Every structure is written in structure tokens, then in C-alpha cells.
Amino acid sequence: MKVLLAILLALTYCSVLSVAQAASAGAGLMQAQKEAEAKGYRLEGNREEIIAKAKKEGGLRALLGFDKPPIVALRDGFRKKYPFINPNFEEHGNPAESQRFLMELQSGRVADWDINNILS
């Protein structure tokens, strides 16, 4: 009887702790979502929502600071995993081009890139 009572108490404690942690995580998630939306970003609730919206959009445009072979490998791997999205991955050349692009990005002249990974 004492063992059963100890197990029930332990399970009750764990469930109360789990609910408290979930509430805390939920509050943190809500705060992160508000902060992201204030910056113009969106947070989706789950993977299925992300996939559905990606299918609807149909493409991904990325400017990468890698050499051509890794870009081709990334593109091919992406196409294999997500055949319903057309990836447009481009190489961004030298540091001068990277600097010019970053200045244009800061000024708002270029905004149609989904991913910008500039290495300088």
C-alpha cells in the first residue's frame, strides 16, 4: 500500500510539474511569436502548416556565400527532400559584391531573397 501511494504521489507530482512547464513554455512561445511578428516574421504552429504554405508558395530563393559544388549539393538535396519546392540557390561572389548587396539590403532596395548567407 505504501509503495502504491508513493507511486501515485510521484505521478501526481510529475503531472503537475509537466503542466507547469507546458504553461511556462507556452508563455515563452507566445512572447517569441509577438517579438517575431513585430519584426515582420511569422511563426507557424507545426510542420504540417509550414509544408502546406511552402507548397503554396512553391519556391525558395537563396543567396549563398559558398562555392558552386556545395551549392549544387544543397540544391539537389533540397529538391530530393522537398520536390514540390523549386529552389533557386545562387552563389554570391567576392567581398565587394557582398558588401554592395548588404548595403542594398539595409536600404530596402533588395527584399526578394528568402535566405541571405554572405561570407566576407
PDB file of N, CA and C in Angstrom:
ATOM      1  N   MET A   1       0.818  -1.192   0.000  1.00  0.00           N
ATOM      2  CA  MET A   1       0.000   0.000   0.000  1.00  0.00           C
ATOM      3  C   MET A   1       0.861   1.254   0.000  1.00  0.00           C
ATOM      4  N   LYS A   2       1.953   1.266   0.795  1.00  0.00           N
ATOM      5  CA  LYS A   2       2.835   2.423   0.846  1.00  0.00           C
ATOM      6  C   LYS A   2       3.521   2.650  -0.502  1.00  0.00           C
ATOM      7  N   VAL A   3       3.885   1.559  -1.165  1.00  0.00           N
ATOM      8  CA  VAL A   3       4.528   1.667  -2.471  1.00  0.00           C
ATOM      9  C   VAL A   3       3.562   2.261  -3.490  1.00  0.00           C
ATOM     10  N   LEU A   4       2.309   1.784  -3.460  1.00  0.00           N
ATOM     11  CA  LEU A   4       1.301   2.299  -4.375  1.00  0.00           C
ATOM     12  C   LEU A   4       1.048   3.781  -4.125  1.00  0.00           C
ATOM     13  N   LEU A   5       0.979   4.171  -2.880  1.00  0.00           N
ATOM     14  CA  LEU A   5       0.781   5.570  -2.530  1.00  0.00           C
ATOM     15  C   LEU A   5       1.960   6.419  -2.995  1.00  0.00           C
ATOM     16  N   ALA A   6       3.169   5.907  -2.827  1.00  0.00           N
ATOM     17  CA  ALA A   6       4.363   6.627  -3.271  1.00  0.00           C
ATOM     18  C   ALA A   6       4.357   6.797  -4.785  1.00  0.00           C
ATOM     19  N   ILE A   7       3.951   5.770  -5.503  1.00  0.00           N
ATOM     20  CA  ILE A   7       3.880   5.847  -6.962  1.00  0.00           C
ATOM     21  C   ILE A   7       2.830   6.872  -7.393  1.00  0.00           C
ATOM     22  N   LEU A   8       1.670   6.841  -6.757  1.00  0.00           N
ATOM     23  CA  LEU A   8       0.617   7.808  -7.093  1.00  0.00           C
ATOM     24  C   LEU A   8       1.056   9.244  -6.813  1.00  0.00           C
ATOM     25  N   LEU A   9       1.731   9.436  -5.686  1.00  0.00           N
ATOM     26  CA  LEU A   9       2.235  10.781  -5.359  1.00  0.00           C
ATOM     27  C   LEU A   9       3.278  11.238  -6.382  1.00  0.00           C
ATOM     28  N   ALA A  10       4.151  10.326  -6.763  1.00  0.00           N
ATOM     29  CA  ALA A  10       5.181  10.657  -7.748  1.00  0.00           C
ATOM     30  C   ALA A  10       4.550  11.007  -9.093  1.00  0.00           C
ATOM     31  N   LEU A  11       3.564  10.228  -9.521  1.00  0.00           N
ATOM     32  CA  LEU A  11       2.884  10.504 -10.788  1.00  0.00           C
ATOM     33  C   LEU A  11       2.139  11.839 -10.735  1.00  0.00           C
ATOM     34  N   THR A  12       1.495  12.113  -9.600  1.00  0.00           N
ATOM     35  CA  THR A  12       0.784  13.384  -9.440  1.00  0.00           C
ATOM     36  C   THR A  12       1.762  14.540  -9.512  1.00  0.00           C
ATOM     37  N   TYR A  13       2.890  14.421  -8.828  1.00  0.00           N
ATOM     38  CA  TYR A  13       3.911  15.469  -8.845  1.00  0.00           C
ATOM     39  C   TYR A  13       4.419  15.693 -10.269  1.00  0.00           C
ATOM     40  N   CYS A  14       4.702  14.610 -10.975  1.00  0.00           N
ATOM     41  CA  CYS A  14       5.206  14.718 -12.355  1.00  0.00           C
ATOM     42  C   CYS A  14       4.180  15.377 -13.275  1.00  0.00           C
ATOM     43  N   SER A  15       2.924  15.032 -13.120  1.00  0.00           N
ATOM     44  CA  SER A  15       1.903  15.620 -13.991  1.00  0.00           C
ATOM     45  C   SER A  15       1.718  17.099 -13.690  1.00  0.00           C
ATOM     46  N   VAL A  16       1.761  17.478 -12.405  1.00  0.00           N
ATOM     47  CA  VAL A  16       1.655  18.902 -12.044  1.00  0.00           C
ATOM     48  C   VAL A  16       2.863  19.652 -12.580  1.00  0.00           C
ATOM     49  N   LEU A  17       4.036  19.066 -12.440  1.00  0.00           N
ATOM     50  CA  LEU A  17       5.259  19.686 -12.950  1.00  0.00           C
ATOM     51  C   LEU A  17       5.195  19.843 -14.468  1.00  0.00           C
ATOM     52  N   SER A  18       4.695  18.826 -15.172  1.00  0.00           N
ATOM     53  CA  SER A  18       4.578  18.886 -16.622  1.00  0.00           C
ATOM     54  C   SER A  18       3.622  19.985 -17.066  1.00  0.00           C
ATOM     55  N   VAL A  19       2.515  20.128 -16.366  1.00  0.00           N
ATOM     56  CA  VAL A  19       1.553  21.177 -16.701  1.00  0.00           C
ATOM     57  C   VAL A  19       2.176  22.549 -16.479  1.00  0.00           C
ATOM     58  N   ALA A  20       2.891  22.699 -15.382  1.00  0.00           N
ATOM     59  CA  ALA A  20       3.545  23.979 -15.098  1.00  0.00           C
ATOM     60  C   ALA A  20       4.602  24.297 -16.146  1.00  0.00           C
ATOM     61  N   GLN A  21       5.380  23.294 -16.543  1.00  0.00           N
ATOM     62  CA  GLN A  21       6.400  23.508 -17.570  1.00  0.00           C
ATOM     63  C   GLN A  21       5.758  23.836 -18.910  1.00  0.00           C
ATOM     64  N   ALA A  22       4.673  23.173 -19.245  1.00  0.00           N
ATOM     65  CA  ALA A  22       3.984  23.444 -20.507  1.00  0.00           C
ATOM     66  C   ALA A  22       3.428  24.860 -20.516  1.00  0.00           C
ATOM     67  N   ALA A  23       2.879  25.301 -19.406  1.00  0.00           N
ATOM     68  CA  ALA A  23       2.352  26.667 -19.322  1.00  0.00           C
ATOM     69  C   ALA A  23       3.474  27.678 -19.480  1.00  0.00           C
ATOM     70  N   SER A  24       4.611  27.401 -18.857  1.00  0.00           N
ATOM     71  CA  SER A  24       5.758  28.293 -18.960  1.00  0.00           C
ATOM     72  C   SER A  24       6.289  28.326 -20.391  1.00  0.00           C
ATOM     73  N   ALA A  25       6.379  27.151 -21.020  1.00  0.00           N
ATOM     74  CA  ALA A  25       6.846  27.082 -22.407  1.00  0.00           C
ATOM     75  C   ALA A  25       5.868  27.793 -23.331  1.00  0.00           C
ATOM     76  N   GLY A  26       4.578  27.624 -23.071  1.00  0.00           N
ATOM     77  CA  GLY A  26       3.569  28.296 -23.885  1.00  0.00           C
ATOM     78  C   GLY A  26       3.676  29.799 -23.786  1.00  0.00           C
ATOM     79  N   ALA A  27       3.924  30.306 -22.578  1.00  0.00           N
ATOM     80  CA  ALA A  27       4.086  31.752 -22.393  1.00  0.00           C
ATOM     81  C   ALA A  27       5.332  32.242 -23.118  1.00  0.00           C
ATOM     82  N   GLY A  28       6.402  31.459 -23.052  1.00  0.00           N
ATOM     83  CA  GLY A  28       7.631  31.827 -23.761  1.00  0.00           C
ATOM     84  C   GLY A  28       7.437  31.821 -25.267  1.00  0.00           C
ATOM     85  N   LEU A  29       6.684  30.846 -25.755  1.00  0.00           N
ATOM     86  CA  LEU A  29       6.401  30.769 -27.183  1.00  0.00           C
ATOM     87  C   LEU A  29       5.556  31.950 -27.646  1.00  0.00           C
ATOM     88  N   MET A  30       4.577  32.311 -26.850  1.00  0.00           N
ATOM     89  CA  MET A  30       3.726  33.460 -27.192  1.00  0.00           C
ATOM     90  C   MET A  30       4.556  34.739 -27.246  1.00  0.00           C
ATOM     91  N   GLN A  31       5.482  34.906 -26.308  1.00  0.00           N
ATOM     92  CA  GLN A  31       6.344  36.087 -26.291  1.00  0.00           C
ATOM     93  C   GLN A  31       7.248  36.100 -27.524  1.00  0.00           C
ATOM     94  N   ALA A  32       7.828  34.941 -27.850  1.00  0.00           N
ATOM     95  CA  ALA A  32       8.688  34.846 -29.033  1.00  0.00           C
ATOM     96  C   ALA A  32       7.901  35.157 -30.293  1.00  0.00           C
ATOM     97  N   GLN A  33       6.652  34.689 -30.366  1.00  0.00           N
ATOM     98  CA  GLN A  33       5.827  34.951 -31.532  1.00  0.00           C
ATOM     99  C   GLN A  33       5.528  36.441 -31.660  1.00  0.00           C
ATOM    100  N   LYS A  34       5.212  37.091 -30.557  1.00  0.00           N
ATOM    101  CA  LYS A  34       4.943  38.537 -30.592  1.00  0.00           C
ATOM    102  C   LYS A  34       6.172  39.309 -31.053  1.00  0.00           C
ATOM    103  N   GLU A  35       7.340  38.938 -30.527  1.00  0.00           N
ATOM    104  CA  GLU A  35       8.581  39.618 -30.911  1.00  0.00           C
ATOM    105  C   GLU A  35       8.896  39.395 -32.391  1.00  0.00           C
ATOM    106  N   ALA A  36       8.688  38.175 -32.872  1.00  0.00           N
ATOM    107  CA  ALA A  36       8.956  37.870 -34.276  1.00  0.00           C
ATOM    108  C   ALA A  36       8.004  38.626 -35.186  1.00  0.00           C
ATOM    109  N   GLU A  37       6.729  38.663 -34.834  1.00  0.00           N
ATOM    110  CA  GLU A  37       5.745  39.373 -35.652  1.00  0.00           C
ATOM    111  C   GLU A  37       6.015  40.870 -35.680  1.00  0.00           C
ATOM    112  N   ALA A  38       6.530  41.409 -34.573  1.00  0.00           N
ATOM    113  CA  ALA A  38       6.874  42.830 -34.535  1.00  0.00           C
ATOM    114  C   ALA A  38       8.006  43.150 -35.504  1.00  0.00           C
ATOM    115  N   LYS A  39       8.841  42.146 -35.809  1.00  0.00           N
ATOM    116  CA  LYS A  39       9.946  42.320 -36.748  1.00  0.00           C
ATOM    117  C   LYS A  39       9.565  41.915 -38.170  1.00  0.00           C
ATOM    118  N   GLY A  40       8.311  41.521 -38.374  1.00  0.00           N
ATOM    119  CA  GLY A  40       7.853  41.144 -39.702  1.00  0.00           C
ATOM    120  C   GLY A  40       7.979  39.671 -40.020  1.00  0.00           C
ATOM    121  N   TYR A  41       8.303  38.837 -39.041  1.00  0.00           N
ATOM    122  CA  TYR A  41       8.414  37.397 -39.243  1.00  0.00           C
ATOM    123  C   TYR A  41       7.113  36.707 -38.864  1.00  0.00           C
ATOM    124  N   ARG A  42       6.972  35.454 -39.321  1.00  0.00           N
ATOM    125  CA  ARG A  42       5.815  34.634 -38.944  1.00  0.00           C
ATOM    126  C   ARG A  42       6.308  33.357 -38.295  1.00  0.00           C
ATOM    127  N   LEU A  43       5.596  32.910 -37.283  1.00  0.00           N
ATOM    128  CA  LEU A  43       5.859  31.608 -36.679  1.00  0.00           C
ATOM    129  C   LEU A  43       4.663  30.720 -36.959  1.00  0.00           C
ATOM    130  N   GLU A  44       4.907  29.574 -37.535  1.00  0.00           N
ATOM    131  CA  GLU A  44       3.832  28.629 -37.810  1.00  0.00           C
ATOM    132  C   GLU A  44       3.741  27.638 -36.662  1.00  0.00           C
ATOM    133  N   GLY A  45       2.551  27.099 -36.458  1.00  0.00           N
ATOM    134  CA  GLY A  45       2.296  26.235 -35.317  1.00  0.00           C
ATOM    135  C   GLY A  45       2.935  24.868 -35.391  1.00  0.00           C
ATOM    136  N   ASN A  46       3.046  24.294 -36.598  1.00  0.00           N
ATOM    137  CA  ASN A  46       3.608  22.953 -36.693  1.00  0.00           C
ATOM    138  C   ASN A  46       4.176  22.722 -38.088  1.00  0.00           C
ATOM    139  N   ARG A  47       4.831  21.593 -38.246  1.00  0.00           N
ATOM    140  CA  ARG A  47       5.497  21.267 -39.510  1.00  0.00           C
ATOM    141  C   ARG A  47       4.503  21.175 -40.668  1.00  0.00           C
ATOM    142  N   GLU A  48       3.328  20.633 -40.419  1.00  0.00           N
ATOM    143  CA  GLU A  48       2.332  20.483 -41.483  1.00  0.00           C
ATOM    144  C   GLU A  48       1.911  21.840 -42.048  1.00  0.00           C
ATOM    145  N   GLU A  49       1.756  22.836 -41.180  1.00  0.00           N
ATOM    146  CA  GLU A  49       1.410  24.178 -41.646  1.00  0.00           C
ATOM    147  C   GLU A  49       2.534  24.766 -42.497  1.00  0.00           C
ATOM    148  N   ILE A  50       3.762  24.547 -42.060  1.00  0.00           N
ATOM    149  CA  ILE A  50       4.912  25.056 -42.811  1.00  0.00           C
ATOM    150  C   ILE A  50       4.969  24.406 -44.190  1.00  0.00           C
ATOM    151  N   ILE A  51       4.800  23.089 -44.251  1.00  0.00           N
ATOM    152  CA  ILE A  51       4.843  22.363 -45.525  1.00  0.00           C
ATOM    153  C   ILE A  51       3.714  22.832 -46.439  1.00  0.00           C
ATOM    154  N   ALA A  52       2.511  22.990 -45.905  1.00  0.00           N
ATOM    155  CA  ALA A  52       1.373  23.436 -46.715  1.00  0.00           C
ATOM    156  C   ALA A  52       1.640  24.822 -47.313  1.00  0.00           C
ATOM    157  N   LYS A  53       2.175  25.726 -46.527  1.00  0.00           N
ATOM    158  CA  LYS A  53       2.460  27.074 -47.034  1.00  0.00           C
ATOM    159  C   LYS A  53       3.624  27.058 -48.017  1.00  0.00           C
ATOM    160  N   ALA A  54       4.595  26.183 -47.795  1.00  0.00           N
ATOM    161  CA  ALA A  54       5.710  26.058 -48.729  1.00  0.00           C
ATOM    162  C   ALA A  54       5.227  25.530 -50.078  1.00  0.00           C
ATOM    163  N   LYS A  55       4.308  24.557 -50.046  1.00  0.00           N
ATOM    164  CA  LYS A  55       3.742  24.037 -51.292  1.00  0.00           C
ATOM    165  C   LYS A  55       2.998  25.137 -52.034  1.00  0.00           C
ATOM    166  N   LYS A  56       2.276  25.949 -51.303  1.00  0.00           N
ATOM    167  CA  LYS A  56       1.514  27.037 -51.915  1.00  0.00           C
ATOM    168  C   LYS A  56       2.444  28.073 -52.543  1.00  0.00           C
ATOM    169  N   GLU A  57       3.535  28.395 -51.827  1.00  0.00           N
ATOM    170  CA  GLU A  57       4.483  29.384 -52.348  1.00  0.00           C
ATOM    171  C   GLU A  57       5.279  28.820 -53.513  1.00  0.00           C
ATOM    172  N   GLY A  58       5.751  27.584 -53.384  1.00  0.00           N
ATOM    173  CA  GLY A  58       6.370  26.876 -54.497  1.00  0.00           C
ATOM    174  C   GLY A  58       7.826  27.134 -54.780  1.00  0.00           C
ATOM    175  N   GLY A  59       8.458  28.102 -54.130  1.00  0.00           N
ATOM    176  CA  GLY A  59       9.847  28.380 -54.447  1.00  0.00           C
ATOM    177  C   GLY A  59      10.615  28.915 -53.254  1.00  0.00           C
ATOM    178  N   LEU A  60      11.935  28.842 -53.366  1.00  0.00           N
ATOM    179  CA  LEU A  60      12.829  29.345 -52.340  1.00  0.00           C
ATOM    180  C   LEU A  60      14.013  29.980 -53.043  1.00  0.00           C
ATOM    181  N   ARG A  61      14.296  31.211 -52.723  1.00  0.00           N
ATOM    182  CA  ARG A  61      15.405  31.926 -53.343  1.00  0.00           C
ATOM    183  C   ARG A  61      16.463  32.199 -52.289  1.00  0.00           C
ATOM    184  N   ALA A  62      17.682  31.687 -52.519  1.00  0.00           N
ATOM    185  CA  ALA A  62      18.756  31.817 -51.537  1.00  0.00           C
ATOM    186  C   ALA A  62      20.024  32.319 -52.202  1.00  0.00           C
ATOM    187  N   LEU A  63      20.642  33.289 -51.561  1.00  0.00           N
ATOM    188  CA  LEU A  63      21.925  33.827 -51.996  1.00  0.00           C
ATOM    189  C   LEU A  63      22.959  33.320 -51.004  1.00  0.00           C
ATOM    190  N   LEU A  64      23.876  32.482 -51.473  1.00  0.00           N
ATOM    191  CA  LEU A  64      24.804  31.788 -50.585  1.00  0.00           C
ATOM    192  C   LEU A  64      26.244  32.183 -50.863  1.00  0.00           C
ATOM    193  N   GLY A  65      27.016  32.261 -49.805  1.00  0.00           N
ATOM    194  CA  GLY A  65      28.425  32.611 -49.924  1.00  0.00           C
ATOM    195  C   GLY A  65      29.320  31.394 -49.993  1.00  0.00           C
ATOM    196  N   PHE A  66      28.887  30.361 -50.701  1.00  0.00           N
ATOM    197  CA  PHE A  66      29.665  29.138 -50.863  1.00  0.00           C
ATOM    198  C   PHE A  66      30.141  29.036 -52.302  1.00  0.00           C
ATOM    199  N   ASP A  67      31.070  28.107 -52.529  1.00  0.00           N
ATOM    200  CA  ASP A  67      31.479  27.801 -53.897  1.00  0.00           C
ATOM    201  C   ASP A  67      30.365  27.009 -54.584  1.00  0.00           C
ATOM    202  N   LYS A  68      30.495  26.872 -55.897  1.00  0.00           N
ATOM    203  CA  LYS A  68      29.455  26.229 -56.694  1.00  0.00           C
ATOM    204  C   LYS A  68      29.167  24.776 -56.297  1.00  0.00           C
ATOM    205  N   PRO A  69      30.166  23.902 -56.070  1.00  0.00           N
ATOM    206  CA  PRO A  69      29.854  22.499 -55.743  1.00  0.00           C
ATOM    207  C   PRO A  69      28.979  22.326 -54.494  1.00  0.00           C
ATOM    208  N   PRO A  70      29.260  23.022 -53.378  1.00  0.00           N
ATOM    209  CA  PRO A  70      28.352  22.872 -52.231  1.00  0.00           C
ATOM    210  C   PRO A  70      26.945  23.402 -52.512  1.00  0.00           C
ATOM    211  N   ILE A  71      26.848  24.450 -53.305  1.00  0.00           N
ATOM    212  CA  ILE A  71      25.530  24.995 -53.637  1.00  0.00           C
ATOM    213  C   ILE A  71      24.730  23.978 -54.444  1.00  0.00           C
ATOM    214  N   VAL A  72      25.378  23.331 -55.410  1.00  0.00           N
ATOM    215  CA  VAL A  72      24.710  22.309 -56.219  1.00  0.00           C
ATOM    216  C   VAL A  72      24.267  21.151 -55.328  1.00  0.00           C
ATOM    217  N   ALA A  73      25.133  20.731 -54.395  1.00  0.00           N
ATOM    218  CA  ALA A  73      24.778  19.637 -53.487  1.00  0.00           C
ATOM    219  C   ALA A  73      23.599  20.025 -52.594  1.00  0.00           C
ATOM    220  N   LEU A  74      23.604  21.251 -52.071  1.00  0.00           N
ATOM    221  CA  LEU A  74      22.484  21.730 -51.256  1.00  0.00           C
ATOM    222  C   LEU A  74      21.190  21.750 -52.055  1.00  0.00           C
ATOM    223  N   ARG A  75      21.272  22.293 -53.268  1.00  0.00           N
ATOM    224  CA  ARG A  75      20.088  22.377 -54.124  1.00  0.00           C
ATOM    225  C   ARG A  75      19.531  20.998 -54.438  1.00  0.00           C
ATOM    226  N   ASP A  76      20.415  20.073 -54.807  1.00  0.00           N
ATOM    227  CA  ASP A  76      19.964  18.725 -55.159  1.00  0.00           C
ATOM    228  C   ASP A  76      19.366  18.004 -53.956  1.00  0.00           C
ATOM    229  N   GLY A  77      19.979  18.150 -52.791  1.00  0.00           N
ATOM    230  CA  GLY A  77      19.439  17.541 -51.582  1.00  0.00           C
ATOM    231  C   GLY A  77      18.096  18.143 -51.202  1.00  0.00           C
ATOM    232  N   PHE A  78      17.975  19.454 -51.374  1.00  0.00           N
ATOM    233  CA  PHE A  78      16.714  20.130 -51.069  1.00  0.00           C
ATOM    234  C   PHE A  78      15.609  19.648 -52.004  1.00  0.00           C
ATOM    235  N   ARG A  79      15.931  19.541 -53.293  1.00  0.00           N
ATOM    236  CA  ARG A  79      14.937  19.058 -54.272  1.00  0.00           C
ATOM    237  C   ARG A  79      14.494  17.629 -53.976  1.00  0.00           C
ATOM    238  N   LYS A  80      15.444  16.816 -53.512  1.00  0.00           N
ATOM    239  CA  LYS A  80      15.116  15.431 -53.204  1.00  0.00           C
ATOM    240  C   LYS A  80      14.162  15.356 -52.010  1.00  0.00           C
ATOM    241  N   LYS A  81      14.418  16.173 -50.982  1.00  0.00           N
ATOM    242  CA  LYS A  81      13.589  16.130 -49.781  1.00  0.00           C
ATOM    243  C   LYS A  81      12.263  16.859 -49.977  1.00  0.00           C
ATOM    244  N   TYR A  82      12.280  17.957 -50.745  1.00  0.00           N
ATOM    245  CA  TYR A  82      11.074  18.772 -50.956  1.00  0.00           C
ATOM    246  C   TYR A  82      10.845  18.962 -52.461  1.00  0.00           C
ATOM    247  N   PRO A  83      10.379  17.934 -53.154  1.00  0.00           N
ATOM    248  CA  PRO A  83      10.234  18.029 -54.615  1.00  0.00           C
ATOM    249  C   PRO A  83       9.182  19.043 -55.058  1.00  0.00           C
ATOM    250  N   PHE A  84       8.329  19.484 -54.170  1.00  0.00           N
ATOM    251  CA  PHE A  84       7.271  20.437 -54.504  1.00  0.00           C
ATOM    252  C   PHE A  84       7.737  21.891 -54.396  1.00  0.00           C
ATOM    253  N   ILE A  85       9.006  22.110 -54.041  1.00  0.00           N
ATOM    254  CA  ILE A  85       9.552  23.467 -53.945  1.00  0.00           C
ATOM    255  C   ILE A  85      10.679  23.605 -54.954  1.00  0.00           C
ATOM    256  N   ASN A  86      10.665  24.684 -55.705  1.00  0.00           N
ATOM    257  CA  ASN A  86      11.718  24.957 -56.671  1.00  0.00           C
ATOM    258  C   ASN A  86      12.785  25.838 -56.026  1.00  0.00           C
ATOM    259  N   PRO A  87      13.949  25.249 -55.668  1.00  0.00           N
ATOM    260  CA  PRO A  87      14.991  26.056 -55.037  1.00  0.00           C
ATOM    261  C   PRO A  87      15.831  26.798 -56.076  1.00  0.00           C
ATOM    262  N   ASN A  88      16.033  28.069 -55.846  1.00  0.00           N
ATOM    263  CA  ASN A  88      16.898  28.894 -56.685  1.00  0.00           C
ATOM    264  C   ASN A  88      18.044  29.353 -55.789  1.00  0.00           C
ATOM    265  N   PHE A  89      19.125  28.573 -55.777  1.00  0.00           N
ATOM    266  CA  PHE A  89      20.283  28.887 -54.949  1.00  0.00           C
ATOM    267  C   PHE A  89      21.353  29.506 -55.841  1.00  0.00           C
ATOM    268  N   GLU A  90      21.823  30.672 -55.449  1.00  0.00           N
ATOM    269  CA  GLU A  90      22.844  31.362 -56.231  1.00  0.00           C
ATOM    270  C   GLU A  90      24.077  31.632 -55.388  1.00  0.00           C
ATOM    271  N   GLU A  91      25.223  31.642 -56.069  1.00  0.00           N
ATOM    272  CA  GLU A  91      26.495  31.936 -55.420  1.00  0.00           C
ATOM    273  C   GLU A  91      26.705  33.447 -55.407  1.00  0.00           C
ATOM    274  N   HIS A  92      27.122  33.956 -54.266  1.00  0.00           N
ATOM    275  CA  HIS A  92      27.463  35.373 -54.183  1.00  0.00           C
ATOM    276  C   HIS A  92      28.963  35.448 -54.168  1.00  0.00           C
ATOM    277  N   GLY A  93      29.499  36.150 -55.111  1.00  0.00           N
ATOM    278  CA  GLY A  93      30.931  36.160 -55.376  1.00  0.00           C
ATOM    279  C   GLY A  93      31.835  36.765 -54.330  1.00  0.00           C
ATOM    280  N   ASN A  94      32.519  37.800 -54.714  1.00  0.00           N
ATOM    281  CA  ASN A  94      33.610  38.348 -53.917  1.00  0.00           C
ATOM    282  C   ASN A  94      33.122  39.276 -52.795  1.00  0.00           C
ATOM    283  N   PRO A  95      34.035  39.657 -51.888  1.00  0.00           N
ATOM    284  CA  PRO A  95      33.654  40.523 -50.766  1.00  0.00           C
ATOM    285  C   PRO A  95      33.063  41.874 -51.188  1.00  0.00           C
ATOM    286  N   ALA A  96      33.518  42.442 -52.299  1.00  0.00           N
ATOM    287  CA  ALA A  96      32.972  43.728 -52.760  1.00  0.00           C
ATOM    288  C   ALA A  96      31.493  43.574 -53.140  1.00  0.00           C
ATOM    289  N   GLU A  97      31.155  42.474 -53.828  1.00  0.00           N
ATOM    290  CA  GLU A  97      29.760  42.217 -54.175  1.00  0.00           C
ATOM    291  C   GLU A  97      28.928  41.975 -52.919  1.00  0.00           C
ATOM    292  N   SER A  98      29.505  41.268 -51.965  1.00  0.00           N
ATOM    293  CA  SER A  98      28.802  41.008 -50.708  1.00  0.00           C
ATOM    294  C   SER A  98      28.510  42.326 -49.980  1.00  0.00           C
ATOM    295  N   GLN A  99      29.499  43.197 -49.928  1.00  0.00           N
ATOM    296  CA  GLN A  99      29.318  44.484 -49.256  1.00  0.00           C
ATOM    297  C   GLN A  99      28.232  45.310 -49.941  1.00  0.00           C
ATOM    298  N   ARG A 100      28.257  45.343 -51.273  1.00  0.00           N
ATOM    299  CA  ARG A 100      27.239  46.087 -52.014  1.00  0.00           C
ATOM    300  C   ARG A 100      25.841  45.518 -51.747  1.00  0.00           C
ATOM    301  N   PHE A 101      25.741  44.183 -51.758  1.00  0.00           N
ATOM    302  CA  PHE A 101      24.458  43.550 -51.510  1.00  0.00           C
ATOM    303  C   PHE A 101      23.943  43.884 -50.107  1.00  0.00           C
ATOM    304  N   LEU A 102      24.825  43.817 -49.111  1.00  0.00           N
ATOM    305  CA  LEU A 102      24.410  44.120 -47.739  1.00  0.00           C
ATOM    306  C   LEU A 102      23.922  45.560 -47.606  1.00  0.00           C
ATOM    307  N   MET A 103      24.593  46.486 -48.277  1.00  0.00           N
ATOM    308  CA  MET A 103      24.154  47.889 -48.235  1.00  0.00           C
ATOM    309  C   MET A 103      22.791  48.046 -48.907  1.00  0.00           C
ATOM    310  N   GLU A 104      22.580  47.361 -50.025  1.00  0.00           N
ATOM    311  CA  GLU A 104      21.282  47.412 -50.701  1.00  0.00           C
ATOM    312  C   GLU A 104      20.194  46.771 -49.834  1.00  0.00           C
ATOM    313  N   LEU A 105      20.531  45.714 -49.153  1.00  0.00           N
ATOM    314  CA  LEU A 105      19.585  45.040 -48.267  1.00  0.00           C
ATOM    315  C   LEU A 105      19.189  45.962 -47.114  1.00  0.00           C
ATOM    316  N   GLN A 106      20.168  46.638 -46.514  1.00  0.00           N
ATOM    317  CA  GLN A 106      19.884  47.560 -45.412  1.00  0.00           C
ATOM    318  C   GLN A 106      19.035  48.741 -45.861  1.00  0.00           C
ATOM    319  N   SER A 107      19.225  49.178 -47.099  1.00  0.00           N
ATOM    320  CA  SER A 107      18.460  50.326 -47.601  1.00  0.00           C
ATOM    321  C   SER A 107      17.062  49.928 -48.067  1.00  0.00           C
ATOM    322  N   GLY A 108      16.805  48.621 -48.160  1.00  0.00           N
ATOM    323  CA  GLY A 108      15.490  48.156 -48.587  1.00  0.00           C
ATOM    324  C   GLY A 108      15.359  48.002 -50.092  1.00  0.00           C
ATOM    325  N   ARG A 109      16.436  48.152 -50.824  1.00  0.00           N
ATOM    326  CA  ARG A 109      16.375  48.033 -52.287  1.00  0.00           C
ATOM    327  C   ARG A 109      16.238  46.600 -52.759  1.00  0.00           C
ATOM    328  N   VAL A 110      16.734  45.638 -51.979  1.00  0.00           N
ATOM    329  CA  VAL A 110      16.568  44.222 -52.320  1.00  0.00           C
ATOM    330  C   VAL A 110      15.847  43.542 -51.176  1.00  0.00           C
ATOM    331  N   ALA A 111      14.721  42.944 -51.463  1.00  0.00           N
ATOM    332  CA  ALA A 111      13.954  42.296 -50.407  1.00  0.00           C
ATOM    333  C   ALA A 111      13.342  40.979 -50.871  1.00  0.00           C
ATOM    334  N   ASP A 112      13.722  40.513 -52.043  1.00  0.00           N
ATOM    335  CA  ASP A 112      13.074  39.324 -52.586  1.00  0.00           C
ATOM    336  C   ASP A 112      13.850  38.035 -52.349  1.00  0.00           C
ATOM    337  N   TRP A 113      14.817  38.057 -51.450  1.00  0.00           N
ATOM    338  CA  TRP A 113      15.583  36.860 -51.118  1.00  0.00           C
ATOM    339  C   TRP A 113      15.006  36.225 -49.863  1.00  0.00           C
ATOM    340  N   ASP A 114      14.852  34.901 -49.873  1.00  0.00           N
ATOM    341  CA  ASP A 114      14.383  34.184 -48.698  1.00  0.00           C
ATOM    342  C   ASP A 114      15.506  33.922 -47.713  1.00  0.00           C
ATOM    343  N   ILE A 115      16.713  33.645 -48.264  1.00  0.00           N
ATOM    344  CA  ILE A 115      17.871  33.338 -47.430  1.00  0.00           C
ATOM    345  C   ILE A 115      19.054  34.132 -47.967  1.00  0.00           C
ATOM    346  N   ASN A 116      19.767  34.798 -47.063  1.00  0.00           N
ATOM    347  CA  ASN A 116      20.977  35.527 -47.415  1.00  0.00           C
ATOM    348  C   ASN A 116      22.094  35.034 -46.507  1.00  0.00           C
ATOM    349  N   ASN A 117      23.056  34.362 -47.079  1.00  0.00           N
ATOM    350  CA  ASN A 117      24.195  33.865 -46.308  1.00  0.00           C
ATOM    351  C   ASN A 117      25.451  34.400 -46.971  1.00  0.00           C
ATOM    352  N   ILE A 118      25.863  35.555 -46.513  1.00  0.00           N
ATOM    353  CA  ILE A 118      27.012  36.230 -47.123  1.00  0.00           C
ATOM    354  C   ILE A 118      28.239  36.015 -46.254  1.00  0.00           C
ATOM    355  N   LEU A 119      29.274  35.490 -46.837  1.00  0.00           N
ATOM    356  CA  LEU A 119      30.544  35.324 -46.144  1.00  0.00           C
ATOM    357  C   LEU A 119      31.515  36.331 -46.710  1.00  0.00           C
ATOM    358  N   SER A 120      32.130  37.111 -45.841  1.00  0.00           N
ATOM    359  CA  SER A 120      33.086  38.096 -46.354  1.00  0.00           C
ATOM    360  C   SER A 120      34.403  37.983 -45.623  1.00  0.00           C
TER     361      SER A 120
END
